[in-house]
All heavy atoms as atom14 arrays in JSON, in Angstrom:
{
  "sequence": "NWGMGWFRQAPEKEREFVSAINRIGSYETYRDSV",
  "atom14_mask": [
    [1, 1, 1, 1, 1, 1, 1, 1, 0, 0, 0, 0, 0, 0],
    [1, 1, 1, 1, 1, 1, 1, 1, 1, 1, 1, 1, 1, 1],
    [1, 1, 1, 1, 0, 0, 0, 0, 0, 0, 0, 0, 0, 0],
    [1, 1, 1, 1, 1, 1, 1, 1, 0, 0, 0, 0, 0, 0],
    [1, 1, 1, 1, 0, 0, 0, 0, 0, 0, 0, 0, 0, 0],
    [1, 1, 1, 1, 1, 1, 1, 1, 1, 1, 1, 1, 1, 1],
    [1, 1, 1, 1, 1, 1, 1, 1, 1, 1, 1, 0, 0, 0],
    [1, 1, 1, 1, 1, 1, 1, 1, 1, 1, 1, 0, 0, 0],
    [1, 1, 1, 1, 1, 1, 1, 1, 1, 0, 0, 0, 0, 0],
    [1, 1, 1, 1, 1, 0, 0, 0, 0, 0, 0, 0, 0, 0],
    [1, 1, 1, 1, 1, 1, 1, 0, 0, 0, 0, 0, 0, 0],
    [1, 1, 1, 1, 1, 1, 1, 1, 1, 0, 0, 0, 0, 0],
    [1, 1, 1, 1, 1, 1, 1, 1, 1, 0, 0, 0, 0, 0],
    [1, 1, 1, 1, 1, 1, 1, 1, 1, 0, 0, 0, 0, 0],
    [1, 1, 1, 1, 1, 1, 1, 1, 1, 1, 1, 0, 0, 0],
    [1, 1, 1, 1, 1, 1, 1, 1, 1, 0, 0, 0, 0, 0],
    [1, 1, 1, 1, 1, 1, 1, 1, 1, 1, 1, 0, 0, 0],
    [1, 1, 1, 1, 1, 1, 1, 0, 0, 0, 0, 0, 0, 0],
    [1, 1, 1, 1, 1, 1, 0, 0, 0, 0, 0, 0, 0, 0],
    [1, 1, 1, 1, 1, 0, 0, 0, 0, 0, 0, 0, 0, 0],
    [1, 1, 1, 1, 1, 1, 1, 1, 0, 0, 0, 0, 0, 0],
    [1, 1, 1, 1, 1, 1, 1, 1, 0, 0, 0, 0, 0, 0],
    [1, 1, 1, 1, 1, 1, 1, 1, 1, 1, 1, 0, 0, 0],
    [1, 1, 1, 1, 1, 1, 1, 1, 0, 0, 0, 0, 0, 0],
    [1, 1, 1, 1, 0, 0, 0, 0, 0, 0, 0, 0, 0, 0],
    [1, 1, 1, 1, 1, 1, 0, 0, 0, 0, 0, 0, 0, 0],
    [1, 1, 1, 1, 1, 1, 1, 1, 1, 1, 1, 1, 0, 0],
    [1, 1, 1, 1, 1, 1, 1, 1, 1, 0, 0, 0, 0, 0],
    [1, 1, 1, 1, 1, 1, 1, 0, 0, 0, 0, 0, 0, 0],
    [1, 1, 1, 1, 1, 1, 1, 1, 1, 1, 1, 1, 0, 0],
    [1, 1, 1, 1, 1, 1, 1, 1, 1, 1, 1, 0, 0, 0],
    [1, 1, 1, 1, 1, 1, 1, 1, 0, 0, 0, 0, 0, 0],
    [1, 1, 1, 1, 1, 1, 0, 0, 0, 0, 0, 0, 0, 0],
    [1, 1, 1, 1, 1, 1, 1, 0, 0, 0, 0, 0, 0, 0]
  ],
  "atom14_positions": [
    [[-12.78, -22.55, -90.39], [-12.68, -21.34, -91.26], [-13.16, -21.58, -92.63], [-13.23, -20.57, -93.38], [-11.31, -20.73, -91.27], [-10.85, -20.06, -89.93], [-11.64, -19.83, -89.06], [-9.56, -19.77, -89.82], [0.0, 0.0, 0.0], [0.0, 0.0, 0.0], [0.0, 0.0, 0.0], [0.0, 0.0, 0.0], [0.0, 0.0, 0.0], [0.0, 0.0, 0.0]],
    [[-13.45, -22.79, -92.94], [-13.7, -23.14, -94.38], [-15.19, -23.35, -94.65], [-15.92, -24.07, -93.89], [-12.94, -24.32, -94.83], [-11.47, -24.32, -94.51], [-10.68, -23.23, -94.29], [-10.7, -25.42, -94.32], [-9.42, -23.58, -94.04], [-9.36, -24.93, -94.05], [-10.9, -26.77, -94.24], [-8.27, -25.8, -93.78], [-9.87, -27.68, -94.09], [-8.54, -27.15, -93.76]],
    [[-15.6, -22.9, -95.85], [-16.81, -23.48, -96.38], [-16.48, -24.95, -96.86], [-15.42, -25.2, -97.37], [0.0, 0.0, 0.0], [0.0, 0.0, 0.0], [0.0, 0.0, 0.0], [0.0, 0.0, 0.0], [0.0, 0.0, 0.0], [0.0, 0.0, 0.0], [0.0, 0.0, 0.0], [0.0, 0.0, 0.0], [0.0, 0.0, 0.0], [0.0, 0.0, 0.0]],
    [[-17.5, -25.82, -96.77], [-17.27, -27.24, -97.18], [-18.34, -27.6, -98.24], [-19.46, -27.21, -98.04], [-17.35, -28.2, -95.96], [-16.2, -27.89, -94.99], [-14.52, -28.22, -95.67], [-14.65, -29.95, -96.12], [0.0, 0.0, 0.0], [0.0, 0.0, 0.0], [0.0, 0.0, 0.0], [0.0, 0.0, 0.0], [0.0, 0.0, 0.0], [0.0, 0.0, 0.0]],
    [[-18.02, -28.39, -99.15], [-18.85, -28.8, -100.15], [-18.76, -30.21, -100.5], [-17.78, -30.84, -100.23], [0.0, 0.0, 0.0], [0.0, 0.0, 0.0], [0.0, 0.0, 0.0], [0.0, 0.0, 0.0], [0.0, 0.0, 0.0], [0.0, 0.0, 0.0], [0.0, 0.0, 0.0], [0.0, 0.0, 0.0], [0.0, 0.0, 0.0], [0.0, 0.0, 0.0]],
    [[-19.88, -30.74, -101.06], [-19.89, -32.13, -101.54], [-20.13, -32.08, -103.06], [-21.04, -31.31, -103.53], [-20.93, -33.02, -100.92], [-20.65, -33.41, -99.49], [-21.05, -32.8, -98.3], [-19.9, -34.54, -99.08], [-20.53, -33.49, -97.25], [-19.85, -34.61, -97.73], [-19.15, -35.61, -99.78], [-19.19, -35.53, -97.04], [-18.54, -36.54, -99.08], [-18.57, -36.53, -97.72]],
    [[-19.44, -32.84, -103.83], [-19.61, -32.95, -105.22], [-19.71, -34.42, -105.6], [-19.35, -35.35, -104.77], [-18.36, -32.32, -106.01], [-18.32, -30.82, -106.02], [-17.91, -30.19, -104.82], [-18.71, -30.07, -107.08], [-17.87, -28.82, -104.78], [-18.74, -28.75, -107.04], [-18.23, -28.07, -105.91], [0.0, 0.0, 0.0], [0.0, 0.0, 0.0], [0.0, 0.0, 0.0]],
    [[-20.18, -34.76, -106.8], [-20.22, -36.15, -107.23], [-19.9, -36.25, -108.66], [-20.05, -35.24, -109.42], [-21.58, -36.78, -107.01], [-22.73, -36.17, -107.71], [-24.01, -36.76, -107.17], [-25.18, -36.18, -107.96], [-26.44, -36.45, -107.71], [-26.74, -37.18, -106.58], [-27.41, -36.02, -108.43], [0.0, 0.0, 0.0], [0.0, 0.0, 0.0], [0.0, 0.0, 0.0]],
    [[-19.37, -37.31, -109.03], [-18.91, -37.65, -110.42], [-19.31, -39.05, -110.85], [-18.9, -39.96, -110.32], [-17.54, -37.35, -110.76], [-17.1, -37.33, -112.17], [-15.67, -36.73, -112.39], [-14.94, -36.65, -111.48], [-15.47, -36.37, -113.6], [0.0, 0.0, 0.0], [0.0, 0.0, 0.0], [0.0, 0.0, 0.0], [0.0, 0.0, 0.0], [0.0, 0.0, 0.0]],
    [[-20.27, -39.11, -111.79], [-20.64, -40.42, -112.39], [-19.83, -40.71, -113.56], [-19.11, -39.76, -114.13], [-22.14, -40.29, -112.77], [0.0, 0.0, 0.0], [0.0, 0.0, 0.0], [0.0, 0.0, 0.0], [0.0, 0.0, 0.0], [0.0, 0.0, 0.0], [0.0, 0.0, 0.0], [0.0, 0.0, 0.0], [0.0, 0.0, 0.0], [0.0, 0.0, 0.0]],
    [[-19.73, -41.94, -113.92], [-18.86, -42.35, -115.13], [-19.16, -41.55, -116.38], [-20.4, -41.4, -116.68], [-19.12, -43.84, -115.29], [-19.52, -44.24, -113.97], [-20.28, -43.17, -113.37], [0.0, 0.0, 0.0], [0.0, 0.0, 0.0], [0.0, 0.0, 0.0], [0.0, 0.0, 0.0], [0.0, 0.0, 0.0], [0.0, 0.0, 0.0], [0.0, 0.0, 0.0]],
    [[-18.14, -40.97, -116.95], [-18.23, -40.29, -118.19], [-19.12, -38.98, -118.06], [-19.49, -38.48, -119.12], [-18.78, -41.21, -119.33], [-17.99, -42.42, -119.61], [-18.5, -43.28, -120.79], [-19.56, -42.93, -121.29], [-17.85, -44.35, -121.12], [0.0, 0.0, 0.0], [0.0, 0.0, 0.0], [0.0, 0.0, 0.0], [0.0, 0.0, 0.0], [0.0, 0.0, 0.0]],
    [[-19.14, -38.49, -116.88], [-19.84, -37.23, -116.73], [-19.05, -36.28, -115.92], [-18.05, -36.65, -115.27], [-21.24, -37.42, -115.91], [-22.27, -38.23, -116.63], [-23.59, -38.21, -115.9], [-24.6, -38.77, -116.78], [-25.93, -38.79, -116.1], [0.0, 0.0, 0.0], [0.0, 0.0, 0.0], [0.0, 0.0, 0.0], [0.0, 0.0, 0.0], [0.0, 0.0, 0.0]],
    [[-19.27, -34.95, -116.04], [-18.52, -33.91, -115.35], [-18.88, -34.01, -113.82], [-19.94, -34.44, -113.41], [-18.81, -32.56, -115.85], [-18.31, -32.35, -117.36], [-18.49, -31.02, -117.73], [-18.98, -30.17, -117.09], [-17.94, -30.68, -118.85], [0.0, 0.0, 0.0], [0.0, 0.0, 0.0], [0.0, 0.0, 0.0], [0.0, 0.0, 0.0], [0.0, 0.0, 0.0]],
    [[-17.95, -33.6, -113.04], [-18.2, -33.43, -111.54], [-19.17, -32.39, -111.42], [-19.12, -31.32, -111.94], [-16.86, -33.04, -110.93], [-16.92, -33.22, -109.4], [-15.49, -33.17, -108.77], [-14.62, -34.25, -109.26], [-13.47, -34.52, -108.7], [-13.03, -33.8, -107.7], [-12.69, -35.57, -109.14], [0.0, 0.0, 0.0], [0.0, 0.0, 0.0], [0.0, 0.0, 0.0]],
    [[-20.13, -32.66, -110.57], [-21.28, -31.79, -110.24], [-21.47, -31.5, -108.8], [-21.14, -32.26, -107.96], [-22.58, -32.26, -110.91], [-23.04, -33.53, -110.25], [-24.44, -34.05, -110.91], [-24.68, -33.63, -112.03], [-25.14, -34.8, -110.22], [0.0, 0.0, 0.0], [0.0, 0.0, 0.0], [0.0, 0.0, 0.0], [0.0, 0.0, 0.0], [0.0, 0.0, 0.0]],
    [[-21.96, -30.27, -108.53], [-22.18, -29.82, -107.23], [-23.38, -30.51, -106.59], [-24.31, -30.85, -107.24], [-22.46, -28.28, -107.27], [-23.01, -27.77, -106.05], [-22.04, -27.45, -104.9], [-24.38, -27.47, -105.69], [-22.56, -26.86, -103.79], [-24.8, -26.95, -104.61], [-23.84, -26.68, -103.54], [0.0, 0.0, 0.0], [0.0, 0.0, 0.0], [0.0, 0.0, 0.0]],
    [[-23.22, -30.91, -105.33], [-24.36, -31.46, -104.52], [-24.82, -30.66, -103.47], [-26.05, -30.35, -103.44], [-23.82, -32.86, -104.04], [-25.0, -33.51, -103.19], [-23.46, -33.79, -105.14], [0.0, 0.0, 0.0], [0.0, 0.0, 0.0], [0.0, 0.0, 0.0], [0.0, 0.0, 0.0], [0.0, 0.0, 0.0], [0.0, 0.0, 0.0], [0.0, 0.0, 0.0]],
    [[-23.91, -30.2, -102.65], [-24.33, -29.37, -101.48], [-23.1, -28.57, -100.93], [-21.98, -29.06, -101.1], [-24.93, -30.25, -100.39], [-25.37, -29.53, -99.3], [0.0, 0.0, 0.0], [0.0, 0.0, 0.0], [0.0, 0.0, 0.0], [0.0, 0.0, 0.0], [0.0, 0.0, 0.0], [0.0, 0.0, 0.0], [0.0, 0.0, 0.0], [0.0, 0.0, 0.0]],
    [[-23.39, -27.59, -100.15], [-22.3, -26.88, -99.45], [-22.84, -26.28, -98.21], [-24.06, -25.96, -98.06], [-21.71, -25.82, -100.36], [0.0, 0.0, 0.0], [0.0, 0.0, 0.0], [0.0, 0.0, 0.0], [0.0, 0.0, 0.0], [0.0, 0.0, 0.0], [0.0, 0.0, 0.0], [0.0, 0.0, 0.0], [0.0, 0.0, 0.0], [0.0, 0.0, 0.0]],
    [[-21.94, -26.0, -97.24], [-22.35, -25.4, -95.89], [-21.27, -24.39, -95.49], [-20.14, -24.59, -95.88], [-22.43, -26.56, -94.95], [-23.03, -26.02, -93.64], [-21.12, -27.33, -94.62], [-23.42, -27.25, -92.68], [0.0, 0.0, 0.0], [0.0, 0.0, 0.0], [0.0, 0.0, 0.0], [0.0, 0.0, 0.0], [0.0, 0.0, 0.0], [0.0, 0.0, 0.0]],
    [[-21.76, -23.41, -94.91], [-20.82, -22.35, -94.48], [-20.02, -22.78, -93.27], [-20.22, -23.83, -92.7], [-21.45, -20.97, -94.24], [-22.41, -20.87, -93.08], [-22.53, -21.91, -92.39], [-22.92, -19.74, -92.86], [0.0, 0.0, 0.0], [0.0, 0.0, 0.0], [0.0, 0.0, 0.0], [0.0, 0.0, 0.0], [0.0, 0.0, 0.0], [0.0, 0.0, 0.0]],
    [[-19.08, -21.92, -92.96], [-18.07, -22.34, -91.86], [-18.67, -22.61, -90.46], [-18.11, -23.34, -89.72], [-16.94, -21.32, -91.78], [-17.28, -19.98, -91.39], [-16.09, -19.04, -91.41], [-16.44, -17.67, -91.09], [-16.84, -16.76, -91.95], [-16.99, -17.06, -93.21], [-17.05, -15.52, -91.56], [0.0, 0.0, 0.0], [0.0, 0.0, 0.0], [0.0, 0.0, 0.0]],
    [[-19.78, -21.97, -90.22], [-20.42, -22.12, -88.91], [-21.61, -23.0, -88.93], [-22.38, -23.27, -87.92], [-20.72, -20.76, -88.2], [-21.68, -19.92, -89.08], [-19.38, -19.97, -87.9], [-22.15, -18.71, -88.36], [0.0, 0.0, 0.0], [0.0, 0.0, 0.0], [0.0, 0.0, 0.0], [0.0, 0.0, 0.0], [0.0, 0.0, 0.0], [0.0, 0.0, 0.0]],
    [[-21.98, -23.47, -90.1], [-23.12, -24.35, -90.28], [-24.5, -23.77, -90.23], [-25.49, -24.41, -89.95], [0.0, 0.0, 0.0], [0.0, 0.0, 0.0], [0.0, 0.0, 0.0], [0.0, 0.0, 0.0], [0.0, 0.0, 0.0], [0.0, 0.0, 0.0], [0.0, 0.0, 0.0], [0.0, 0.0, 0.0], [0.0, 0.0, 0.0], [0.0, 0.0, 0.0]],
    [[-24.5, -22.41, -90.46], [-25.8, -21.69, -90.4], [-26.42, -21.53, -91.72], [-27.56, -21.01, -91.83], [-25.52, -20.27, -89.78], [-24.68, -19.53, -90.62], [0.0, 0.0, 0.0], [0.0, 0.0, 0.0], [0.0, 0.0, 0.0], [0.0, 0.0, 0.0], [0.0, 0.0, 0.0], [0.0, 0.0, 0.0], [0.0, 0.0, 0.0], [0.0, 0.0, 0.0]],
    [[-25.75, -21.9, -92.85], [-26.28, -21.67, -94.14], [-25.86, -22.79, -95.06], [-24.73, -23.29, -95.04], [-25.81, -20.32, -94.79], [-26.31, -20.1, -96.16], [-27.58, -19.75, -96.42], [-25.51, -20.31, -97.27], [-28.13, -19.53, -97.7], [-26.06, -20.12, -98.62], [-27.36, -19.67, -98.77], [-27.74, -19.43, -100.02], [0.0, 0.0, 0.0], [0.0, 0.0, 0.0]],
    [[-26.88, -23.45, -95.82], [-26.62, -24.63, -96.63], [-27.24, -24.3, -98.04], [-28.23, -23.49, -98.16], [-27.28, -25.73, -96.07], [-26.94, -26.1, -94.63], [-28.08, -26.85, -93.95], [-28.77, -27.53, -94.57], [-28.17, -26.77, -92.71], [0.0, 0.0, 0.0], [0.0, 0.0, 0.0], [0.0, 0.0, 0.0], [0.0, 0.0, 0.0], [0.0, 0.0, 0.0]],
    [[-26.7, -24.97, -99.01], [-27.26, -24.97, -100.35], [-27.22, -26.21, -100.95], [-26.24, -27.02, -100.62], [-26.63, -23.81, -101.15], [-27.24, -23.68, -102.37], [-25.07, -24.13, -101.43], [0.0, 0.0, 0.0], [0.0, 0.0, 0.0], [0.0, 0.0, 0.0], [0.0, 0.0, 0.0], [0.0, 0.0, 0.0], [0.0, 0.0, 0.0], [0.0, 0.0, 0.0]],
    [[-28.18, -26.56, -101.87], [-28.2, -27.93, -102.51], [-28.53, -27.76, -103.98], [-29.23, -26.85, -104.41], [-29.4, -28.69, -101.85], [-29.21, -28.96, -100.35], [-29.71, -28.04, -99.48], [-28.56, -30.12, -99.87], [-29.53, -28.23, -98.1], [-28.37, -30.28, -98.55], [-28.93, -29.36, -97.62], [-28.68, -29.63, -96.24], [0.0, 0.0, 0.0], [0.0, 0.0, 0.0]],
    [[-28.13, -28.74, -104.73], [-28.71, -28.96, -106.12], [-30.14, -29.23, -105.98], [-30.58, -29.95, -105.15], [-27.85, -29.78, -106.97], [-27.93, -31.21, -106.63], [-27.13, -32.14, -107.56], [-27.53, -32.01, -108.93], [-26.86, -31.32, -109.88], [-25.65, -30.76, -109.57], [-27.21, -31.33, -111.16], [0.0, 0.0, 0.0], [0.0, 0.0, 0.0], [0.0, 0.0, 0.0]],
    [[-30.86, -28.83, -107.03], [-32.29, -29.11, -107.02], [-32.71, -30.49, -106.85], [-33.6, -30.95, -106.14], [-32.93, -28.57, -108.21], [-32.91, -27.09, -108.28], [-32.79, -26.34, -107.21], [-33.28, -26.39, -109.34], [0.0, 0.0, 0.0], [0.0, 0.0, 0.0], [0.0, 0.0, 0.0], [0.0, 0.0, 0.0], [0.0, 0.0, 0.0], [0.0, 0.0, 0.0]],
    [[-31.97, -31.5, -107.51], [-32.39, -32.91, -107.49], [-32.2, -33.54, -106.21], [-32.7, -34.66, -106.05], [-31.55, -33.55, -108.68], [-30.12, -33.52, -108.34], [0.0, 0.0, 0.0], [0.0, 0.0, 0.0], [0.0, 0.0, 0.0], [0.0, 0.0, 0.0], [0.0, 0.0, 0.0], [0.0, 0.0, 0.0], [0.0, 0.0, 0.0], [0.0, 0.0, 0.0]],
    [[-31.47, -32.99, -105.26], [-31.3, -33.65, -103.92], [-32.07, -32.88, -102.84], [-32.03, -33.38, -101.69], [-29.82, -33.82, -103.62], [-29.04, -34.52, -104.72], [-29.19, -32.49, -103.24], [0.0, 0.0, 0.0], [0.0, 0.0, 0.0], [0.0, 0.0, 0.0], [0.0, 0.0, 0.0], [0.0, 0.0, 0.0], [0.0, 0.0, 0.0], [0.0, 0.0, 0.0]]
  ]
}
């Protein structure tokens, strides 16, 4: 039932969005650099 996301955090930096996928896996989104 959940959307799932991946984030990352480098030392001394804020946590940033990487990617996310909807609950059935039919839609994805990514940050530009990946």
